[in-house]
Every structure is written in C-alpha cells, then in structure tokens.
C-alpha atoms as a PDB file:
ATOM      1  CA  MET A   1     -16.035 -39.415 -28.366  1.00  0.00           C
ATOM      2  CA  ASP A   2     -17.456 -40.911 -25.188  1.00  0.00           C
ATOM      3  CA  SER A   3     -16.613 -44.638 -25.263  1.00  0.00           C
ATOM      4  CA  LYS A   4     -20.129 -45.647 -24.221  1.00  0.00           C
ATOM      5  CA  TYR A   5     -21.311 -44.314 -27.599  1.00  0.00           C
ATOM      6  CA  ASP A   6     -18.311 -45.550 -29.608  1.00  0.00           C
ATOM      7  CA  LEU A   7     -19.715 -48.633 -31.307  1.00  0.00           C
ATOM      8  CA  GLU A   8     -16.335 -49.710 -32.666  1.00  0.00           C
ATOM      9  CA  GLU A   9     -14.905 -49.755 -29.140  1.00  0.00           C
ATOM     10  CA  ARG A  10     -18.003 -51.397 -27.662  1.00  0.00           C
ATOM     11  CA  THR A  11     -18.016 -54.203 -30.222  1.00  0.00           C
ATOM     12  CA  PHE A  12     -14.304 -54.763 -29.581  1.00  0.00           C
ATOM     13  CA  GLN A  13     -14.934 -54.908 -25.831  1.00  0.00           C
ATOM     14  CA  PHE A  14     -17.804 -57.374 -26.325  1.00  0.00           C
ATOM     15  CA  ALA A  15     -15.592 -59.718 -28.380  1.00  0.00           C
ATOM     16  CA  ASN A  16     -12.829 -59.383 -25.801  1.00  0.00           C
ATOM     17  CA  ASP A  17     -15.241 -60.116 -22.937  1.00  0.00           C
ATOM     18  CA  CYS A  18     -16.481 -63.226 -24.766  1.00  0.00           C
ATOM     19  CA  ARG A  19     -12.897 -64.460 -25.021  1.00  0.00           C
ATOM     20  CA  LYS A  20     -12.291 -63.826 -21.324  1.00  0.00           C
ATOM     21  CA  MET A  21     -15.512 -65.634 -20.433  1.00  0.00           C
ATOM     22  CA  MET A  22     -14.476 -68.669 -22.489  1.00  0.00           C
ATOM     23  CA  SER A  23     -11.269 -69.023 -20.511  1.00  0.00           C
ATOM     24  CA  SER A  24     -13.284 -69.212 -17.285  1.00  0.00           C
ATOM     25  CA  LEU A  25     -15.496 -72.123 -18.395  1.00  0.00           C
ATOM     26  CA  LYS A  26     -14.747 -75.738 -17.602  1.00  0.00           C
ATOM     27  CA  PHE A  27     -13.368 -77.868 -20.392  1.00  0.00           C
ATOM     28  CA  SER A  28     -16.013 -79.925 -22.172  1.00  0.00           C
ATOM     29  CA  THR A  29     -16.681 -80.847 -25.777  1.00  0.00           C
ATOM     30  CA  ALA A  30     -19.822 -78.708 -25.825  1.00  0.00           C
ATOM     31  CA  ASN A  31     -18.065 -75.681 -24.336  1.00  0.00           C
ATOM     32  CA  VAL A  32     -15.196 -75.967 -26.803  1.00  0.00           C
ATOM     33  CA  GLU A  33     -17.434 -76.290 -29.859  1.00  0.00           C
ATOM     34  CA  ASP A  34     -19.973 -73.664 -28.784  1.00  0.00           C
ATOM     35  CA  GLY A  35     -17.125 -71.409 -27.671  1.00  0.00           C
ATOM     36  CA  LYS A  36     -15.511 -71.547 -31.106  1.00  0.00           C
ATOM     37  CA  GLN A  37     -18.772 -70.368 -32.616  1.00  0.00           C
ATOM     38  CA  LEU A  38     -19.096 -67.585 -30.040  1.00  0.00           C
ATOM     39  CA  ILE A  39     -15.539 -66.390 -30.658  1.00  0.00           C
ATOM     40  CA  LYS A  40     -16.177 -66.213 -34.408  1.00  0.00           C
ATOM     41  CA  SER A  41     -19.555 -64.474 -34.224  1.00  0.00           C
ATOM     42  CA  SER A  42     -18.582 -62.008 -31.476  1.00  0.00           C
ATOM     43  CA  GLY A  43     -15.489 -60.901 -33.402  1.00  0.00           C
ATOM     44  CA  SER A  44     -17.448 -60.621 -36.614  1.00  0.00           C
ATOM     45  CA  ILE A  45     -19.769 -57.996 -35.140  1.00  0.00           C
ATOM     46  CA  GLY A  46     -17.020 -55.404 -34.802  1.00  0.00           C
ATOM     47  CA  ALA A  47     -15.255 -56.438 -37.999  1.00  0.00           C
ATOM     48  CA  ASN A  48     -18.408 -55.888 -40.022  1.00  0.00           C
ATOM     49  CA  TYR A  49     -19.092 -52.593 -38.271  1.00  0.00           C
ATOM     50  CA  ILE A  50     -15.602 -51.391 -39.215  1.00  0.00           C
ATOM     51  CA  GLU A  51     -16.167 -52.545 -42.801  1.00  0.00           C
ATOM     52  CA  ALA A  52     -19.489 -50.676 -42.881  1.00  0.00           C
ATOM     53  CA  ASN A  53     -17.689 -47.458 -42.007  1.00  0.00           C
ATOM     54  CA  GLU A  54     -15.327 -47.698 -44.986  1.00  0.00           C
ATOM     55  CA  ASN A  55     -17.755 -45.540 -46.987  1.00  0.00           C
ATOM     56  CA  LEU A  56     -18.242 -47.742 -50.037  1.00  0.00           C
ATOM     57  CA  GLY A  57     -21.775 -46.510 -50.486  1.00  0.00           C
ATOM     58  CA  GLU A  58     -25.137 -46.579 -48.776  1.00  0.00           C
ATOM     59  CA  LYS A  59     -26.046 -50.113 -49.899  1.00  0.00           C
ATOM     60  CA  ASP A  60     -22.772 -51.580 -48.656  1.00  0.00           C
ATOM     61  CA  PHE A  61     -23.119 -49.710 -45.354  1.00  0.00           C
ATOM     62  CA  VAL A  62     -26.614 -51.098 -44.748  1.00  0.00           C
ATOM     63  CA  PHE A  63     -25.571 -54.600 -45.855  1.00  0.00           C
ATOM     64  CA  ARG A  64     -22.592 -54.678 -43.454  1.00  0.00           C
ATOM     65  CA  LEU A  65     -24.705 -53.392 -40.572  1.00  0.00           C
ATOM     66  CA  LYS A  66     -27.251 -56.128 -41.234  1.00  0.00           C
ATOM     67  CA  ILE A  67     -24.481 -58.717 -41.114  1.00  0.00           C
ATOM     68  CA  ALA A  68     -23.203 -57.237 -37.842  1.00  0.00           C
ATOM     69  CA  ARG A  69     -26.728 -57.441 -36.423  1.00  0.00           C
ATOM     70  CA  LYS A  70     -27.044 -61.065 -37.562  1.00  0.00           C
ATOM     71  CA  GLU A  71     -23.733 -61.905 -35.892  1.00  0.00           C
ATOM     72  CA  ALA A  72     -24.885 -60.219 -32.678  1.00  0.00           C
ATOM     73  CA  LYS A  73     -28.016 -62.373 -32.657  1.00  0.00           C
ATOM     74  CA  GLU A  74     -25.897 -65.453 -33.294  1.00  0.00           C
ATOM     75  CA  SER A  75     -23.590 -64.502 -30.418  1.00  0.00           C
ATOM     76  CA  ARG A  76     -26.597 -64.224 -28.127  1.00  0.00           C
ATOM     77  CA  TYR A  77     -27.596 -67.765 -29.136  1.00  0.00           C
ATOM     78  CA  TRP A  78     -24.150 -69.202 -28.342  1.00  0.00           C
ATOM     79  CA  LEU A  79     -24.049 -67.338 -25.035  1.00  0.00           C
ATOM     80  CA  ARG A  80     -27.394 -68.861 -24.083  1.00  0.00           C
ATOM     81  CA  LEU A  81     -26.053 -72.343 -24.832  1.00  0.00           C
ATOM     82  CA  LEU A  82     -22.873 -71.773 -22.883  1.00  0.00           C
END
C-alpha cells in the first residue's frame, strides 16, 4: 500500500516527528510540561488506530477511531502552545 494512504504508518510518523520537534526546542518548564502532553497524545493516535483495526466489532472500531480523533485534536492544541 502507498505509504501516503497508510494511516498506521502516517500516525507513527506524526508521533515520531513530534518527538524530533521536542528535542529541538529550548529547555523551559512550559516546553517540558506541554511536550510531555504532546508526546502522550501524539503516540495515542496511532495506538488507538491500531487497536481499532483489531476487529473486535463495529462499535469498538468506531469508539477507538473517535478516541484517535480526540487525541489528534489534543495534539494540535499542544502544538499550538509549543
């Protein structure tokens, strides 16, 4: 599958890029605390997407995708602060 359509790979790359970005920021209390939140939420996007694909039923699939979407919105918030 073309990687630009592979959501598992794209969510992994997003989490990885967030981690790389954090290492480039100057050290400050705000950056450390906001960065911790970004690391958690960005990694959770892909983790929940992978969980959604475990085929435990339609309701679980939708629920996990909604969590992944929520985590993506949260990541956007932390990125704006950083």
